[in-house]
């Protein structure tokens, strides 16, 4: 994947080095190290320069990102992809349930990573897979894929700083009480398991989930959930802790009467574009298996 970015230096940034300027633009130390290894990746007024070069007002700084190899452990596979949005820097994909983000032992060719790798292989474009807001295997909905190292770095930092708003829809049995609120309960690994997480007030990591019931129908509640933090299985455990676990969750609530996977869908993402700063907002409708539960007569 290649990307060329052009910056015009203003008076406020005159006198600082290329490295200092790029740091201000969100480039990580790892990004700068990688750029140093790329041929003529830094040009000032059309001339190749080092990172220590000091910029002047009016200079035109060109950065040429050149990623010429693909992810080694993600073989490209032709799989359906529901691409909601794509530009030079990122993709937003509506992931179906029953599709993991990454390949794993015993499932080496059926993942979102394989599908995206296949998409770019068909275009003869080298691609390193960087998924920003990873979803559980059986959680459907919107996820962001960065298309190069800079957008990947900035978006990952945005996740850490809670600058990407992520809203989910979940279905539980019964009438949720109270119908809206905030769940604040730290999460940690469950003793004896490499997969399960649990509430752990002594050693767990901070976890905060805001929720609100949108609809009650057919003995179920459709709940809007807003993640403030990003912990493994956060919504699934927090809703169980509240006393209203997601239906269909084979790990934490094997209630499979109406659905065969956890009833959880990444429905809305709001964030600032990592390169342009433009506000981006995306939504994905409730998938058919979750709609059926709510519309049962």
Protein backbone atom coordinates (compact mmCIF):
# COMPACT_ATOMS: atom_id res chain seq x y z
CA UNK A 1 0.00 0.00 0.00
CA UNK A 2 1.33 3.43 -0.94
CA UNK A 3 0.14 6.82 0.27
CA UNK A 4 1.52 10.28 -0.46
CA UNK A 5 0.80 13.10 1.98
CA UNK A 6 1.67 16.75 1.34
CA UNK A 7 2.03 19.42 4.04
CA UNK A 8 2.67 23.14 3.58
CA UNK A 9 4.65 24.54 6.49
CA UNK A 10 3.18 27.63 8.17
CA UNK A 11 4.86 30.27 10.34
CA UNK A 12 3.98 28.45 13.57
CA UNK A 13 6.04 25.41 12.52
CA UNK A 14 9.03 27.22 11.03
CA UNK A 15 12.33 26.16 12.60
CA UNK A 16 11.32 22.72 13.82
CA UNK A 17 12.68 19.50 12.32
CA UNK A 18 10.82 17.20 9.97
CA UNK A 19 10.59 14.62 12.77
CA UNK A 20 9.15 17.15 15.21
CA UNK A 21 6.59 18.32 12.64
CA UNK A 22 5.46 14.79 11.82
CA UNK A 23 5.12 13.96 15.51
CA UNK A 24 2.73 16.91 15.78
CA UNK A 25 0.75 15.41 12.90
CA UNK A 26 0.30 12.12 14.75
CA UNK A 27 3.16 10.04 13.38
CA UNK A 28 4.44 7.62 16.02
CA UNK A 29 8.10 6.92 16.73
CA UNK A 30 7.63 3.56 14.98
CA UNK A 31 6.19 5.35 11.93
CA UNK A 32 9.25 7.61 11.74
CA UNK A 33 11.58 4.63 12.06
CA UNK A 34 9.77 2.86 9.23
CA UNK A 35 9.87 5.97 7.03
CA UNK A 36 13.65 6.15 7.42
CA UNK A 37 13.87 2.69 5.83
CA UNK A 38 11.79 3.69 2.80
CA UNK A 39 13.58 5.19 -0.22
CA UNK A 40 13.11 8.96 -0.56
CA UNK A 41 10.14 8.91 1.79
CA UNK A 42 10.76 12.50 2.94
CA UNK A 43 10.97 15.33 0.40
CA UNK A 44 11.17 19.04 1.16
CA UNK A 45 10.41 21.23 -1.86
CA UNK A 46 10.96 18.15 -4.01
CA UNK A 47 14.38 17.32 -2.55
CA UNK A 48 15.09 14.30 -0.36
CA UNK A 49 15.95 15.26 3.22
CA UNK A 50 16.70 13.65 6.58
CA UNK A 51 14.35 13.73 9.59
CA UNK A 52 16.66 16.27 11.28
CA UNK A 53 16.20 18.85 8.51
CA UNK A 54 14.76 22.12 9.84
CA UNK A 55 11.71 23.41 8.06
CA UNK A 56 10.99 26.98 6.96
CA UNK A 57 7.67 28.75 6.45
CA UNK A 58 6.37 28.04 2.97
CA UNK A 59 8.22 24.73 2.60
CA UNK A 60 6.29 21.87 1.03
CA UNK A 61 6.89 18.62 2.89
CA UNK A 62 5.99 15.44 1.03
CA UNK A 63 5.78 12.10 2.84
CA UNK A 64 5.69 8.96 0.70
CA UNK A 65 4.56 5.89 2.64
CA UNK A 66 5.61 2.71 0.85
CA UNK A 67 4.51 -0.61 2.33
CA UNK A 68 5.56 -3.19 -0.22
CA UNK A 69 4.89 -6.41 1.68
CA UNK A 70 1.64 -7.97 2.89
CA UNK A 71 0.75 -9.60 6.20
CA UNK A 72 2.68 -12.88 6.17
CA UNK A 73 0.26 -14.89 8.29
CA UNK A 74 -2.96 -13.79 6.60
CA UNK A 75 -3.38 -15.59 3.26
CA UNK A 76 -5.64 -13.77 0.79
CA UNK A 77 -8.99 -15.48 0.23
CA UNK A 78 -11.89 -14.41 -1.94
CA UNK A 79 -14.74 -13.89 0.54
CA UNK A 80 -17.75 -11.54 0.48
CA UNK A 81 -17.06 -8.10 1.93
CA UNK A 82 -19.70 -5.53 2.87
CA UNK A 83 -17.65 -2.34 2.50
CA UNK A 84 -19.62 0.59 3.92
CA UNK A 85 -16.92 3.17 3.18
CA UNK A 86 -13.42 3.30 1.69
CA UNK A 87 -10.87 6.01 0.93
CA UNK A 88 -7.07 6.20 0.69
CA UNK A 89 -6.63 5.86 4.44
CA UNK A 90 -9.26 3.54 5.87
CA UNK A 91 -12.18 1.20 5.29
CA UNK A 92 -15.35 0.71 7.31
CA UNK A 93 -16.71 -2.81 6.95
CA UNK A 94 -20.00 -4.34 8.12
CA UNK A 95 -18.79 -7.70 9.45
CA UNK A 96 -21.25 -10.62 9.54
CA UNK A 97 -21.57 -12.88 12.55
CA UNK A 98 -19.60 -16.15 12.45
CA UNK A 99 -16.56 -14.42 10.98
CA UNK A 100 -13.52 -13.88 13.22
CA UNK A 101 -11.31 -10.84 12.71
CA UNK A 102 -8.04 -12.80 12.39
CA UNK A 103 -7.13 -16.30 11.21
CA UNK A 104 -6.33 -18.79 13.96
CA UNK A 105 -5.19 -22.36 14.40
CA UNK A 106 -7.80 -24.57 12.79
CA UNK A 107 -9.34 -21.59 10.99
CA UNK A 108 -6.58 -20.24 8.79
CA UNK A 109 -8.57 -19.03 5.78
CA UNK A 110 -11.98 -17.85 7.00
CA UNK A 111 -11.64 -14.44 8.68
CA UNK A 112 -12.12 -10.76 7.96
CA UNK A 113 -8.35 -10.49 7.58
CA UNK A 114 -8.38 -13.13 4.83
CA UNK A 115 -11.25 -11.36 3.08
CA UNK A 116 -9.55 -7.94 3.13
CA UNK A 117 -6.24 -9.48 2.05
CA UNK A 118 -8.07 -11.13 -0.84
CA UNK A 119 -9.72 -7.86 -1.81
CA UNK A 120 -6.36 -6.13 -2.19
CA UNK A 121 -4.61 -9.15 -3.72
CA UNK A 122 -7.15 -9.01 -6.56
CA UNK A 123 -5.95 -5.43 -7.17
CA UNK A 124 -2.26 -6.44 -6.88
CA UNK A 125 -1.85 -4.10 -3.92
CA UNK A 126 0.39 -5.15 -0.99
CA UNK A 127 -1.56 -4.82 2.25
CA UNK A 128 -0.86 -5.10 5.97
CA UNK A 129 -4.07 -5.90 7.89
CA UNK A 130 -4.74 -3.47 10.76
CA UNK A 131 -8.20 -3.79 12.32
CA UNK A 132 -8.86 -0.95 14.75
CA UNK A 133 -11.99 -1.85 16.74
CA UNK A 134 -11.88 -5.63 16.82
CA UNK A 135 -15.19 -7.44 17.23
CA UNK A 136 -15.74 -10.85 18.78
CA UNK A 137 -16.14 -13.76 16.37
CA UNK A 138 -19.95 -13.80 16.66
CA UNK A 139 -20.53 -10.07 17.06
CA UNK A 140 -21.74 -8.48 13.84
CA UNK A 141 -21.45 -4.93 12.59
CA UNK A 142 -19.12 -2.04 11.88
CA UNK A 143 -15.36 -2.25 12.19
CA UNK A 144 -12.57 0.04 10.97
CA UNK A 145 -9.60 -1.22 8.96
CA UNK A 146 -6.62 1.12 8.51
CA UNK A 147 -5.03 1.06 5.06
CA UNK A 148 -1.50 2.14 6.00
CA UNK A 149 0.79 2.57 8.99
CA UNK A 150 -0.05 6.22 9.70
CA UNK A 151 -3.82 5.89 9.72
CA UNK A 152 -3.39 2.71 11.76
CA UNK A 153 -1.26 4.49 14.35
CA UNK A 154 -3.54 7.51 14.68
CA UNK A 155 -6.74 5.45 14.85
CA UNK A 156 -5.24 3.14 17.48
CA UNK A 157 -4.30 6.18 19.56
CA UNK A 158 -7.85 7.48 19.16
CA UNK A 159 -9.19 4.21 20.59
CA UNK A 160 -6.86 4.50 23.60
CA UNK A 161 -7.96 8.09 24.18
CA UNK A 162 -11.66 7.14 23.80
CA UNK A 163 -12.06 9.36 20.73
CA UNK A 164 -14.03 6.84 18.66
CA UNK A 165 -17.66 6.58 19.70
CA UNK A 166 -18.85 3.00 19.44
CA UNK A 167 -22.52 2.12 19.86
CA UNK A 168 -23.90 -1.41 19.92
CA UNK A 169 -27.33 -3.00 19.89
CA UNK A 170 -27.92 -6.00 22.11
CA UNK A 171 -30.92 -8.18 22.96
CA UNK A 172 -31.70 -9.59 26.40
CA UNK A 173 -34.65 -11.37 27.95
CA UNK A 174 -37.09 -9.47 30.14
CA UNK A 175 -37.47 -5.83 31.12
CA UNK A 176 -34.12 -4.30 31.98
CA UNK A 177 -34.10 -2.59 35.37
CA UNK A 178 -33.19 0.21 35.55
CA UNK A 179 -33.96 0.94 31.87
CA UNK A 180 -30.89 3.17 31.50
CA UNK A 181 -27.63 3.64 33.34
CA UNK A 182 -23.89 3.13 33.47
CA UNK A 183 -22.14 -0.10 34.40
CA UNK A 184 -18.74 0.49 36.01
CA UNK A 185 -17.07 -2.80 36.85
CA UNK A 186 -13.42 -3.75 36.17
CA UNK A 187 -12.70 -6.83 34.06
CA UNK A 188 -9.97 -9.45 34.27
CA UNK A 189 -9.22 -12.97 33.10
CA UNK A 190 -11.23 -15.75 34.71
CA UNK A 191 -8.98 -18.07 36.69
CA UNK A 192 -8.26 -21.29 34.79
CA UNK A 193 -9.46 -19.97 31.42
CA UNK A 194 -7.56 -18.35 28.56
CA UNK A 195 -10.79 -17.15 26.94
CA UNK A 196 -13.30 -16.09 29.59
CA UNK A 197 -13.24 -12.78 31.43
CA UNK A 198 -14.94 -11.89 34.68
CA UNK A 199 -15.65 -8.99 37.02
CA UNK A 200 -12.53 -8.43 39.12
CA UNK A 201 -12.64 -5.50 41.55
CA UNK A 202 -9.17 -6.26 42.93
CA UNK A 203 -7.00 -6.72 39.85
CA UNK A 204 -9.23 -6.00 36.86
CA UNK A 205 -8.88 -3.19 34.32
CA UNK A 206 -11.33 -0.28 34.36
CA UNK A 207 -14.41 -0.92 32.22
CA UNK A 208 -17.38 1.42 31.66
CA UNK A 209 -20.51 0.72 29.61
CA UNK A 210 -23.47 3.07 29.19
CA UNK A 211 -26.82 1.52 28.23
CA UNK A 212 -30.41 2.47 27.43
CA UNK A 213 -33.42 0.32 26.53
CA UNK A 214 -34.81 1.23 23.12
CA UNK A 215 -37.69 -1.22 22.83
CA UNK A 216 -39.41 -4.04 24.72
CA UNK A 217 -41.23 -6.64 22.69
CA UNK A 218 -42.04 -10.34 22.84
CA UNK A 219 -40.43 -10.78 26.24
CA UNK A 220 -37.14 -9.23 25.10
CA UNK A 221 -35.45 -5.83 25.35
CA UNK A 222 -33.43 -4.17 22.61
CA UNK A 223 -30.65 -2.25 24.34
CA UNK A 224 -28.41 0.53 23.01
CA UNK A 225 -24.92 0.25 24.48
CA UNK A 226 -22.13 2.82 24.35
CA UNK A 227 -18.62 1.66 25.15
CA UNK A 228 -16.47 4.14 27.03
CA UNK A 229 -13.63 1.64 27.45
CA UNK A 230 -12.58 -1.27 25.24
CA UNK A 231 -12.10 -4.52 27.14
CA UNK A 232 -12.44 -8.06 25.86
CA UNK A 233 -16.06 -9.28 26.18
CA UNK A 234 -16.94 -6.04 28.00
CA UNK A 235 -20.60 -5.75 26.98
CA UNK A 236 -21.23 -9.45 27.37
CA UNK A 237 -19.93 -9.55 30.94
CA UNK A 238 -21.37 -6.18 31.98
CA UNK A 239 -24.88 -7.12 30.88
CA UNK A 240 -24.59 -10.42 32.75
CA UNK A 241 -23.38 -8.50 35.81
CA UNK A 242 -26.45 -6.25 35.52
CA UNK A 243 -28.61 -9.39 35.56
CA UNK A 244 -29.62 -9.27 31.91
CA UNK A 245 -27.12 -11.28 29.84
CA UNK A 246 -27.23 -11.21 26.06
CA UNK A 247 -29.22 -14.08 24.62
CA UNK A 248 -27.40 -16.61 22.43
CA UNK A 249 -24.06 -16.13 24.23
CA UNK A 250 -22.54 -19.61 24.27
CA UNK A 251 -19.82 -18.54 26.71
CA UNK A 252 -21.71 -16.50 29.29
CA UNK A 253 -25.42 -17.26 28.72
CA UNK A 254 -26.21 -20.26 26.48
CA UNK A 255 -29.81 -19.19 25.88
CA UNK A 256 -30.16 -20.38 22.28
CA UNK A 257 -33.94 -20.57 21.95
CA UNK A 258 -34.23 -17.71 19.46
CA UNK A 259 -30.70 -17.06 18.19
CA UNK A 260 -27.55 -19.17 17.82
CA UNK A 261 -24.94 -16.46 18.57
CA UNK A 262 -24.64 -13.61 21.06
CA UNK A 263 -27.22 -11.00 20.10
CA UNK A 264 -24.76 -8.13 19.75
CA UNK A 265 -24.26 -5.79 16.81
CA UNK A 266 -21.84 -2.88 16.28
CA UNK A 267 -24.41 -0.40 14.97
CA UNK A 268 -22.76 3.04 14.92
CA UNK A 269 -19.27 4.54 14.74
CA UNK A 270 -18.42 8.24 15.04
CA UNK A 271 -14.87 9.57 14.80
CA UNK A 272 -12.67 12.20 13.22
CA UNK A 273 -10.86 11.10 10.08
CA UNK A 274 -7.24 10.33 11.05
CA UNK A 275 -5.77 12.34 8.15
CA UNK A 276 -8.29 15.03 7.23
CA UNK A 277 -9.89 15.58 10.64
CA UNK A 278 -13.35 15.42 9.03
CA UNK A 279 -16.18 14.06 11.21
CA UNK A 280 -17.17 10.56 10.07
CA UNK A 281 -20.36 8.76 11.06
CA UNK A 282 -21.50 5.30 9.98
CA UNK A 283 -24.46 3.10 10.87
CA UNK A 284 -25.37 -0.51 10.14
CA UNK A 285 -28.92 -1.83 10.41
CA UNK A 286 -29.78 -4.65 12.79
CA UNK A 287 -29.04 -7.98 11.06
CA UNK A 288 -31.82 -10.39 10.18
CA UNK A 289 -31.23 -12.90 12.99
CA UNK A 290 -31.56 -10.16 15.64
CA UNK A 291 -34.54 -8.56 13.88
CA UNK A 292 -36.37 -11.88 13.99
CA UNK A 293 -36.10 -12.03 17.78
CA UNK A 294 -37.62 -8.59 18.25
CA UNK A 295 -40.36 -9.18 15.67
CA UNK A 296 -41.50 -12.56 17.00
CA UNK A 297 -45.26 -12.74 17.28
